[in-house]
Amino acid sequence: MNEKMDVYDYFKVTVDEGLLSQYIDGYGKFGWKPDENMEMERNMGKAVLHFKRERHILNKTELTRLQRHYEACMNEIRTLEKSKNSVPTMVALTCGLSGCAFMAGSVFAVTAAPPVIWLMVVLAVPGFFLWGAAYWGYVRAKRRRGNKVAPLIENKYEEAYEVCSQAGKLL
């Protein structure tokens, strides 16, 4: 009895749930199929995908190289998406903490042995202004960062799709 036994390579990857479809479709172009024996694990906005692929395929090294390129593109997309919130958050925190510093100076001025009321007012006004500006700074920075990053993300998606199409031609 000479039966042919299927031999597979197995692969596990953790991805953001927002990019789940892109990863499943993308890895499919490299010959990976979802492993029906393993369930997808979801936890805190992440998903763990399990794939398998025929072990004996042609152009395996080239497919692996293209797959690494695809993974790098997807990591850059993820980083750019995160920067849409991280940069505006830093702007808001900087404004808020600067406002706190001015308010602390204002409190020190009013609690001094002879209270310095004029200094308290001079320091309190920018403190209140910076506290209020934190929200508007966040909104403005988020809009600007989104406009700046959107074309970069789109270019990375195009690059990832191009890599997937090259891999599809190899299979």
N, C-alpha and C. Protein backbone atom coordinates (compact mmCIF):
# COMPACT_ATOMS: atom_id res chain seq x y z
N MET A 1 0.84 -1.18 0.00
CA MET A 1 0.00 0.00 0.00
C MET A 1 0.88 1.23 0.00
N ASN A 2 0.75 1.97 -1.02
CA ASN A 2 1.53 3.17 -1.16
C ASN A 2 0.59 4.36 -1.23
N GLU A 3 0.19 4.88 -0.06
CA GLU A 3 -0.72 6.02 -0.01
C GLU A 3 0.07 7.31 0.06
N LYS A 4 -0.45 8.32 -0.59
CA LYS A 4 0.20 9.63 -0.54
C LYS A 4 -0.28 10.35 0.71
N MET A 5 0.67 10.79 1.51
CA MET A 5 0.34 11.50 2.73
C MET A 5 0.59 12.99 2.52
N ASP A 6 -0.39 13.80 2.85
CA ASP A 6 -0.22 15.25 2.73
C ASP A 6 0.59 15.75 3.91
N VAL A 7 1.61 16.54 3.60
CA VAL A 7 2.47 17.10 4.63
C VAL A 7 2.34 18.62 4.53
N TYR A 8 2.15 19.27 5.68
CA TYR A 8 1.90 20.71 5.70
C TYR A 8 2.92 21.43 6.55
N ASP A 9 3.12 22.70 6.21
CA ASP A 9 3.81 23.64 7.08
C ASP A 9 2.71 24.37 7.84
N TYR A 10 2.98 24.70 9.10
CA TYR A 10 1.99 25.40 9.91
C TYR A 10 2.55 26.75 10.32
N PHE A 11 1.63 27.68 10.48
CA PHE A 11 2.02 29.06 10.73
C PHE A 11 0.96 29.71 11.62
N LYS A 12 1.40 30.44 12.63
CA LYS A 12 0.49 31.11 13.55
C LYS A 12 0.89 32.58 13.61
N VAL A 13 -0.10 33.47 13.54
CA VAL A 13 0.18 34.90 13.56
C VAL A 13 -0.89 35.61 14.39
N THR A 14 -0.46 36.62 15.14
CA THR A 14 -1.38 37.46 15.91
C THR A 14 -1.54 38.79 15.19
N VAL A 15 -2.79 39.17 14.92
CA VAL A 15 -3.07 40.38 14.15
C VAL A 15 -4.13 41.21 14.86
N ASP A 16 -4.21 42.49 14.48
CA ASP A 16 -5.29 43.35 14.97
C ASP A 16 -6.59 42.91 14.31
N GLU A 17 -7.68 42.94 15.08
CA GLU A 17 -8.97 42.52 14.53
C GLU A 17 -9.41 43.41 13.37
N GLY A 18 -9.00 44.67 13.38
CA GLY A 18 -9.37 45.58 12.30
C GLY A 18 -8.76 45.21 10.96
N LEU A 19 -7.65 44.49 10.99
CA LEU A 19 -6.95 44.09 9.76
C LEU A 19 -7.10 42.60 9.49
N LEU A 20 -8.03 41.95 10.15
CA LEU A 20 -8.20 40.50 10.06
C LEU A 20 -8.43 40.03 8.64
N SER A 21 -9.36 40.66 7.93
CA SER A 21 -9.67 40.23 6.55
C SER A 21 -8.48 40.41 5.62
N GLN A 22 -7.75 41.52 5.79
CA GLN A 22 -6.59 41.75 4.94
C GLN A 22 -5.54 40.66 5.14
N TYR A 23 -5.34 40.25 6.39
CA TYR A 23 -4.34 39.21 6.66
C TYR A 23 -4.78 37.87 6.10
N ILE A 24 -6.05 37.51 6.29
CA ILE A 24 -6.52 36.22 5.77
C ILE A 24 -6.40 36.18 4.26
N ASP A 25 -6.84 37.25 3.59
CA ASP A 25 -6.74 37.31 2.13
C ASP A 25 -5.28 37.34 1.68
N GLY A 26 -4.47 38.14 2.37
CA GLY A 26 -3.06 38.27 1.99
C GLY A 26 -2.30 36.98 2.12
N TYR A 27 -2.43 36.30 3.25
CA TYR A 27 -1.71 35.04 3.43
C TYR A 27 -2.23 33.97 2.48
N GLY A 28 -3.46 34.08 2.06
CA GLY A 28 -3.98 33.14 1.06
C GLY A 28 -3.22 33.23 -0.24
N LYS A 29 -2.74 34.40 -0.59
CA LYS A 29 -1.96 34.58 -1.82
C LYS A 29 -0.59 33.90 -1.74
N PHE A 30 -0.13 33.60 -0.53
CA PHE A 30 1.16 32.93 -0.35
C PHE A 30 0.99 31.43 -0.18
N GLY A 31 -0.22 30.95 -0.40
CA GLY A 31 -0.48 29.51 -0.33
C GLY A 31 -0.97 29.05 1.03
N TRP A 32 -1.11 29.96 1.98
CA TRP A 32 -1.57 29.59 3.31
C TRP A 32 -3.09 29.51 3.32
N LYS A 33 -3.61 28.46 3.94
CA LYS A 33 -5.06 28.30 4.11
C LYS A 33 -5.35 28.25 5.61
N PRO A 34 -6.47 28.82 6.04
CA PRO A 34 -6.80 28.71 7.46
C PRO A 34 -6.88 27.25 7.89
N ASP A 35 -6.29 26.94 9.02
CA ASP A 35 -6.30 25.58 9.54
C ASP A 35 -7.65 25.33 10.20
N GLU A 36 -8.44 24.44 9.58
CA GLU A 36 -9.79 24.19 10.08
C GLU A 36 -9.79 23.43 11.40
N ASN A 37 -8.65 22.87 11.79
CA ASN A 37 -8.56 22.14 13.06
C ASN A 37 -8.34 23.06 14.26
N MET A 38 -7.98 24.29 14.01
CA MET A 38 -7.69 25.25 15.08
C MET A 38 -8.70 26.40 15.01
N GLU A 39 -9.20 26.79 16.17
CA GLU A 39 -10.13 27.91 16.23
C GLU A 39 -9.36 29.22 16.30
N MET A 40 -9.97 30.27 15.74
CA MET A 40 -9.39 31.59 15.83
C MET A 40 -9.59 32.09 17.27
N GLU A 41 -8.54 32.56 17.87
CA GLU A 41 -8.61 33.09 19.23
C GLU A 41 -8.71 34.60 19.16
N ARG A 42 -9.66 35.17 19.89
CA ARG A 42 -9.81 36.63 19.93
C ARG A 42 -9.65 37.09 21.36
N ASN A 43 -8.85 38.17 21.53
CA ASN A 43 -8.60 38.67 22.86
C ASN A 43 -8.13 40.12 22.78
N MET A 44 -8.87 41.02 23.39
CA MET A 44 -8.50 42.43 23.51
C MET A 44 -8.11 43.07 22.19
N GLY A 45 -8.93 42.94 21.18
CA GLY A 45 -8.68 43.57 19.89
C GLY A 45 -7.67 42.86 19.02
N LYS A 46 -7.19 41.72 19.45
CA LYS A 46 -6.23 40.93 18.67
C LYS A 46 -6.87 39.59 18.32
N ALA A 47 -6.41 39.00 17.24
CA ALA A 47 -6.87 37.68 16.83
C ALA A 47 -5.64 36.83 16.48
N VAL A 48 -5.69 35.57 16.88
CA VAL A 48 -4.60 34.64 16.54
C VAL A 48 -5.11 33.74 15.43
N LEU A 49 -4.45 33.80 14.28
CA LEU A 49 -4.83 33.01 13.11
C LEU A 49 -3.87 31.84 12.97
N HIS A 50 -4.43 30.70 12.60
CA HIS A 50 -3.63 29.49 12.36
C HIS A 50 -3.78 29.12 10.88
N PHE A 51 -2.65 28.96 10.22
CA PHE A 51 -2.64 28.63 8.79
C PHE A 51 -1.87 27.35 8.55
N LYS A 52 -2.13 26.75 7.39
CA LYS A 52 -1.32 25.62 6.93
C LYS A 52 -1.14 25.76 5.42
N ARG A 53 -0.04 25.13 4.95
CA ARG A 53 0.30 25.20 3.52
C ARG A 53 1.02 23.91 3.15
N GLU A 54 0.80 23.47 1.91
CA GLU A 54 1.52 22.29 1.40
C GLU A 54 3.01 22.50 1.61
N ARG A 55 3.66 21.51 2.12
CA ARG A 55 5.08 21.63 2.40
C ARG A 55 5.91 21.66 1.12
N HIS A 56 5.52 20.89 0.13
CA HIS A 56 6.29 20.79 -1.10
C HIS A 56 5.65 21.67 -2.17
N ILE A 57 6.05 22.94 -2.19
CA ILE A 57 5.56 23.86 -3.22
C ILE A 57 6.77 24.44 -3.94
N LEU A 58 6.54 24.86 -5.15
CA LEU A 58 7.61 25.48 -5.93
C LEU A 58 7.83 26.91 -5.45
N ASN A 59 9.02 27.41 -5.64
CA ASN A 59 9.37 28.80 -5.34
C ASN A 59 9.15 29.16 -3.87
N LYS A 60 9.42 28.23 -2.98
CA LYS A 60 9.16 28.45 -1.56
C LYS A 60 10.00 29.60 -1.00
N THR A 61 11.25 29.69 -1.41
CA THR A 61 12.10 30.76 -0.89
C THR A 61 11.63 32.13 -1.37
N GLU A 62 11.23 32.22 -2.62
CA GLU A 62 10.73 33.49 -3.15
C GLU A 62 9.41 33.86 -2.48
N LEU A 63 8.55 32.87 -2.24
CA LEU A 63 7.29 33.13 -1.54
C LEU A 63 7.56 33.63 -0.12
N THR A 64 8.55 33.05 0.53
CA THR A 64 8.90 33.46 1.89
C THR A 64 9.42 34.89 1.89
N ARG A 65 10.24 35.22 0.92
CA ARG A 65 10.76 36.60 0.81
C ARG A 65 9.63 37.57 0.60
N LEU A 66 8.70 37.25 -0.31
CA LEU A 66 7.56 38.12 -0.56
C LEU A 66 6.65 38.22 0.66
N GLN A 67 6.51 37.11 1.37
CA GLN A 67 5.68 37.12 2.58
C GLN A 67 6.28 38.06 3.63
N ARG A 68 7.59 38.05 3.79
CA ARG A 68 8.24 38.96 4.74
C ARG A 68 8.01 40.42 4.33
N HIS A 69 8.07 40.67 3.03
CA HIS A 69 7.81 42.02 2.53
C HIS A 69 6.36 42.42 2.84
N TYR A 70 5.43 41.51 2.62
CA TYR A 70 4.01 41.76 2.92
C TYR A 70 3.84 42.04 4.42
N GLU A 71 4.46 41.25 5.28
CA GLU A 71 4.35 41.46 6.72
C GLU A 71 4.93 42.81 7.13
N ALA A 72 6.03 43.23 6.50
CA ALA A 72 6.61 44.54 6.79
C ALA A 72 5.65 45.65 6.39
N CYS A 73 5.00 45.51 5.24
CA CYS A 73 4.01 46.50 4.81
C CYS A 73 2.85 46.59 5.81
N MET A 74 2.36 45.44 6.24
CA MET A 74 1.24 45.43 7.17
C MET A 74 1.65 46.01 8.53
N ASN A 75 2.88 45.76 8.96
CA ASN A 75 3.36 46.35 10.22
C ASN A 75 3.45 47.87 10.10
N GLU A 76 3.89 48.37 8.96
CA GLU A 76 3.96 49.81 8.76
C GLU A 76 2.56 50.41 8.75
N ILE A 77 1.60 49.72 8.14
CA ILE A 77 0.22 50.20 8.15
C ILE A 77 -0.29 50.28 9.58
N ARG A 78 -0.01 49.25 10.37
CA ARG A 78 -0.45 49.24 11.77
C ARG A 78 0.18 50.39 12.55
N THR A 79 1.46 50.63 12.33
CA THR A 79 2.16 51.72 13.01
C THR A 79 1.59 53.08 12.60
N LEU A 80 1.32 53.25 11.31
CA LEU A 80 0.75 54.51 10.85
C LEU A 80 -0.65 54.72 11.41
N GLU A 81 -1.43 53.66 11.49
CA GLU A 81 -2.78 53.77 12.07
C GLU A 81 -2.69 54.18 13.54
N LYS A 82 -1.74 53.61 14.28
CA LYS A 82 -1.59 53.97 15.69
C LYS A 82 -1.15 55.42 15.84
N SER A 83 -0.34 55.90 14.90
CA SER A 83 0.15 57.28 15.01
C SER A 83 -0.97 58.29 14.83
N LYS A 84 -2.10 57.87 14.25
CA LYS A 84 -3.25 58.77 14.13
C LYS A 84 -3.74 59.21 15.50
N ASN A 85 -3.57 58.38 16.51
CA ASN A 85 -4.02 58.73 17.86
C ASN A 85 -2.87 59.12 18.78
N SER A 86 -1.70 58.54 18.59
CA SER A 86 -0.61 58.80 19.53
C SER A 86 -0.08 60.23 19.44
N VAL A 87 0.05 60.76 18.24
CA VAL A 87 0.56 62.13 18.09
C VAL A 87 -0.42 63.14 18.68
N PRO A 88 -1.73 63.07 18.35
CA PRO A 88 -2.65 64.01 18.99
C PRO A 88 -2.73 63.86 20.51
N THR A 89 -2.58 62.65 21.00
CA THR A 89 -2.59 62.44 22.44
C THR A 89 -1.41 63.16 23.09
N MET A 90 -0.26 63.09 22.45
CA MET A 90 0.92 63.78 22.99
C MET A 90 0.73 65.29 22.96
N VAL A 91 0.08 65.81 21.93
CA VAL A 91 -0.20 67.25 21.86
C VAL A 91 -1.10 67.65 23.02
N ALA A 92 -2.17 66.88 23.25
CA ALA A 92 -3.10 67.20 24.33
C ALA A 92 -2.43 67.09 25.69
N LEU A 93 -1.63 66.04 25.89
CA LEU A 93 -0.94 65.89 27.17
C LEU A 93 0.06 67.02 27.42
N THR A 94 0.74 67.44 26.39
CA THR A 94 1.69 68.54 26.53
C THR A 94 0.97 69.82 26.93
N CYS A 95 -0.15 70.11 26.27
CA CYS A 95 -0.93 71.30 26.63
C CYS A 95 -1.45 71.20 28.05
N GLY A 96 -2.01 70.06 28.41
CA GLY A 96 -2.58 69.89 29.73
C GLY A 96 -1.54 69.98 30.83
N LEU A 97 -0.40 69.33 30.63
CA LEU A 97 0.64 69.38 31.65
C LEU A 97 1.28 70.76 31.75
N SER A 98 1.39 71.45 30.64
CA SER A 98 1.90 72.83 30.69
C SER A 98 0.93 73.71 31.47
N GLY A 99 -0.36 73.50 31.24
CA GLY A 99 -1.36 74.23 32.01
C GLY A 99 -1.25 73.93 33.50
N CYS A 100 -1.00 72.68 33.84
CA CYS A 100 -0.82 72.31 35.25
C CYS A 100 0.40 73.02 35.85
N ALA A 101 1.46 73.15 35.08
CA ALA A 101 2.67 73.83 35.58
C ALA A 101 2.36 75.30 35.86
N PHE A 102 1.63 75.95 34.96
CA PHE A 102 1.26 77.35 35.19
C PHE A 102 0.36 77.47 36.41
N MET A 103 -0.58 76.53 36.56
CA MET A 103 -1.48 76.58 37.71
C MET A 103 -0.73 76.33 39.01
N ALA A 104 0.26 75.46 38.98
CA ALA A 104 1.07 75.22 40.18
C ALA A 104 1.81 76.50 40.55
N GLY A 105 2.37 77.18 39.57
CA GLY A 105 3.03 78.46 39.84
C GLY A 105 2.07 79.48 40.40
N SER A 106 0.85 79.45 39.90
CA SER A 106 -0.18 80.36 40.39
C SER A 106 -0.51 80.06 41.85
N VAL A 107 -0.62 78.80 42.19
CA VAL A 107 -0.92 78.42 43.58
C VAL A 107 0.24 78.82 44.49
N PHE A 108 1.47 78.59 44.05
CA PHE A 108 2.61 78.99 44.86
C PHE A 108 2.65 80.50 45.06
N ALA A 109 2.25 81.25 44.04
CA ALA A 109 2.26 82.71 44.15
C ALA A 109 1.22 83.18 45.15
N VAL A 110 0.07 82.56 45.21
CA VAL A 110 -0.99 83.01 46.12
C VAL A 110 -0.76 82.52 47.55
N THR A 111 -0.02 81.42 47.71
CA THR A 111 0.23 80.90 49.07
C THR A 111 1.55 81.37 49.64
N ALA A 112 2.24 82.25 48.96
CA ALA A 112 3.50 82.79 49.49
C ALA A 112 3.21 83.62 50.73
N ALA A 113 4.25 83.88 51.55
CA ALA A 113 4.07 84.60 52.81
C ALA A 113 3.34 85.92 52.59
N PRO A 114 3.87 86.84 51.79
CA PRO A 114 2.96 87.89 51.35
C PRO A 114 2.42 87.45 49.98
N PRO A 115 1.12 87.16 49.86
CA PRO A 115 0.57 86.68 48.58
C PRO A 115 0.85 87.67 47.45
N VAL A 116 1.27 87.12 46.32
CA VAL A 116 1.55 87.93 45.14
C VAL A 116 0.38 87.71 44.17
N ILE A 117 -0.66 88.52 44.34
CA ILE A 117 -1.89 88.34 43.58
C ILE A 117 -1.67 88.59 42.10
N TRP A 118 -0.93 89.61 41.75
CA TRP A 118 -0.73 89.91 40.33
C TRP A 118 -0.03 88.75 39.61
N LEU A 119 0.94 88.09 40.29
CA LEU A 119 1.65 86.95 39.69
C LEU A 119 0.72 85.75 39.58
N MET A 120 -0.17 85.59 40.58
CA MET A 120 -1.13 84.50 40.53
C MET A 120 -2.03 84.65 39.30
N VAL A 121 -2.49 85.84 39.04
CA VAL A 121 -3.37 86.08 37.89
C VAL A 121 -2.60 85.87 36.58
N VAL A 122 -1.37 86.38 36.55
CA VAL A 122 -0.56 86.23 35.33
C VAL A 122 -0.30 84.76 35.02
N LEU A 123 -0.13 83.94 36.03
CA LEU A 123 0.14 82.52 35.80
C LEU A 123 -1.15 81.71 35.62
N ALA A 124 -2.23 82.11 36.23
CA ALA A 124 -3.48 81.35 36.14
C ALA A 124 -4.11 81.46 34.76
N VAL A 125 -4.05 82.62 34.15
CA VAL A 125 -4.69 82.81 32.84
C VAL A 125 -4.13 81.86 31.79
N PRO A 126 -2.80 81.77 31.60
CA PRO A 126 -2.30 80.79 30.63
C PRO A 126 -2.57 79.35 31.06
N GLY A 127 -2.62 79.10 32.36
CA GLY A 127 -2.93 77.76 32.84
C GLY A 127 -4.32 77.33 32.41
N PHE A 128 -5.32 78.19 32.64
CA PHE A 128 -6.69 77.88 32.20
C PHE A 128 -6.76 77.78 30.67
N PHE A 129 -6.06 78.68 29.99
CA PHE A 129 -6.06 78.65 28.53
C PHE A 129 -5.50 77.33 28.01
N LEU A 130 -4.38 76.89 28.57
CA LEU A 130 -3.76 75.64 28.11
C LEU A 130 -4.63 74.43 28.43
N TRP A 131 -5.32 74.44 29.56
CA TRP A 131 -6.24 73.34 29.86
C TRP A 131 -7.34 73.25 28.81
N GLY A 132 -7.89 74.39 28.44
CA GLY A 132 -8.93 74.40 27.41
C GLY A 132 -8.38 74.07 26.03
N ALA A 133 -7.15 74.50 25.78
CA ALA A 133 -6.54 74.27 24.46
C ALA A 133 -6.17 72.81 24.25
N ALA A 134 -6.09 72.03 25.32
CA ALA A 134 -5.71 70.62 25.18
C ALA A 134 -6.71 69.88 24.29
N TYR A 135 -8.00 70.11 24.51
CA TYR A 135 -9.01 69.43 23.69
C TYR A 135 -8.92 69.87 22.23
N TRP A 136 -8.88 71.18 22.02
CA TRP A 136 -8.85 71.68 20.64
C TRP A 136 -7.55 71.32 19.95
N GLY A 137 -6.46 71.26 20.70
CA GLY A 137 -5.19 70.82 20.14
C GLY A 137 -5.26 69.36 19.70
N TYR A 138 -5.95 68.54 20.51
CA TYR A 138 -6.12 67.13 20.16
C TYR A 138 -6.92 67.01 18.87
N VAL A 139 -8.03 67.72 18.79
CA VAL A 139 -8.90 67.65 17.60
C VAL A 139 -8.14 68.09 16.35
N ARG A 140 -7.45 69.20 16.46
CA ARG A 140 -6.73 69.72 15.30
C ARG A 140 -5.57 68.80 14.89
N ALA A 141 -4.82 68.31 15.87
CA ALA A 141 -3.70 67.42 15.57
C ALA A 141 -4.19 66.10 14.99
N LYS A 142 -5.33 65.61 15.47
CA LYS A 142 -5.88 64.36 14.94
C LYS A 142 -6.29 64.53 13.47
N ARG A 143 -6.93 65.64 13.17
CA ARG A 143 -7.34 65.91 11.78
C ARG A 143 -6.11 66.06 10.88
N ARG A 144 -5.12 66.82 11.32
CA ARG A 144 -3.91 67.02 10.52
C ARG A 144 -3.13 65.73 10.33
N ARG A 145 -3.02 64.95 11.42
CA ARG A 145 -2.27 63.69 11.33
C ARG A 145 -2.99 62.70 10.43
N GLY A 146 -4.32 62.67 10.53
CA GLY A 146 -5.10 61.79 9.66
C GLY A 146 -4.92 62.14 8.20
N ASN A 147 -4.94 63.44 7.88
CA ASN A 147 -4.75 63.88 6.50
C ASN A 147 -3.34 63.58 6.00
N LYS A 148 -2.37 63.67 6.89
CA LYS A 148 -0.98 63.43 6.49
C LYS A 148 -0.71 61.93 6.30
N VAL A 149 -1.33 61.09 7.12
CA VAL A 149 -1.03 59.67 7.14
C VAL A 149 -1.87 58.89 6.12
N ALA A 150 -3.05 59.38 5.77
CA ALA A 150 -3.95 58.65 4.87
C ALA A 150 -3.29 58.26 3.54
N PRO A 151 -2.60 59.17 2.84
CA PRO A 151 -1.95 58.75 1.59
C PRO A 151 -0.83 57.73 1.82
N LEU A 152 -0.13 57.86 2.94
CA LEU A 152 0.93 56.90 3.23
C LEU A 152 0.36 55.50 3.47
N ILE A 153 -0.75 55.44 4.18
CA ILE A 153 -1.41 54.15 4.42
C ILE A 153 -1.90 53.56 3.11
N GLU A 154 -2.49 54.39 2.28
CA GLU A 154 -3.00 53.91 0.98
C GLU A 154 -1.85 53.38 0.12
N ASN A 155 -0.71 54.06 0.12
CA ASN A 155 0.45 53.59 -0.64
C ASN A 155 0.96 52.25 -0.11
N LYS A 156 0.96 52.08 1.19
CA LYS A 156 1.40 50.81 1.78
C LYS A 156 0.43 49.69 1.43
N TYR A 157 -0.89 49.98 1.42
CA TYR A 157 -1.85 48.96 1.00
C TYR A 157 -1.60 48.56 -0.45
N GLU A 158 -1.33 49.54 -1.32
CA GLU A 158 -1.04 49.24 -2.72
C GLU A 158 0.21 48.38 -2.85
N GLU A 159 1.22 48.71 -2.06
CA GLU A 159 2.47 47.93 -2.09
C GLU A 159 2.20 46.49 -1.62
N ALA A 160 1.40 46.35 -0.56
CA ALA A 160 1.07 45.01 -0.05
C ALA A 160 0.28 44.22 -1.09
N TYR A 161 -0.68 44.87 -1.78
CA TYR A 161 -1.46 44.19 -2.81
C TYR A 161 -0.58 43.77 -3.98
N GLU A 162 0.40 44.61 -4.32
CA GLU A 162 1.32 44.27 -5.40
C GLU A 162 2.15 43.05 -5.03
N VAL A 163 2.63 43.00 -3.80
CA VAL A 163 3.40 41.84 -3.33
C VAL A 163 2.53 40.58 -3.36
N CYS A 164 1.27 40.72 -2.95
CA CYS A 164 0.35 39.56 -2.98
C CYS A 164 0.10 39.08 -4.40
N SER A 165 -0.02 40.00 -5.33
CA SER A 165 -0.25 39.59 -6.72
C SER A 165 0.98 38.89 -7.29
N GLN A 166 2.19 39.36 -6.92
CA GLN A 166 3.40 38.67 -7.35
C GLN A 166 3.46 37.26 -6.79
N ALA A 167 3.05 37.11 -5.52
CA ALA A 167 3.05 35.78 -4.88
C ALA A 167 2.01 34.90 -5.54
N GLY A 168 0.87 35.46 -5.87
CA GLY A 168 -0.18 34.66 -6.53
C GLY A 168 0.28 34.12 -7.88
N LYS A 169 1.10 34.89 -8.57
CA LYS A 169 1.63 34.43 -9.88
C LYS A 169 2.62 33.29 -9.69
N LEU A 170 3.33 33.27 -8.56
CA LEU A 170 4.30 32.20 -8.31
C LEU A 170 3.64 30.87 -7.99
N LEU A 171 2.44 30.95 -7.40
CA LEU A 171 1.75 29.69 -7.07
C LEU A 171 1.16 29.15 -8.30
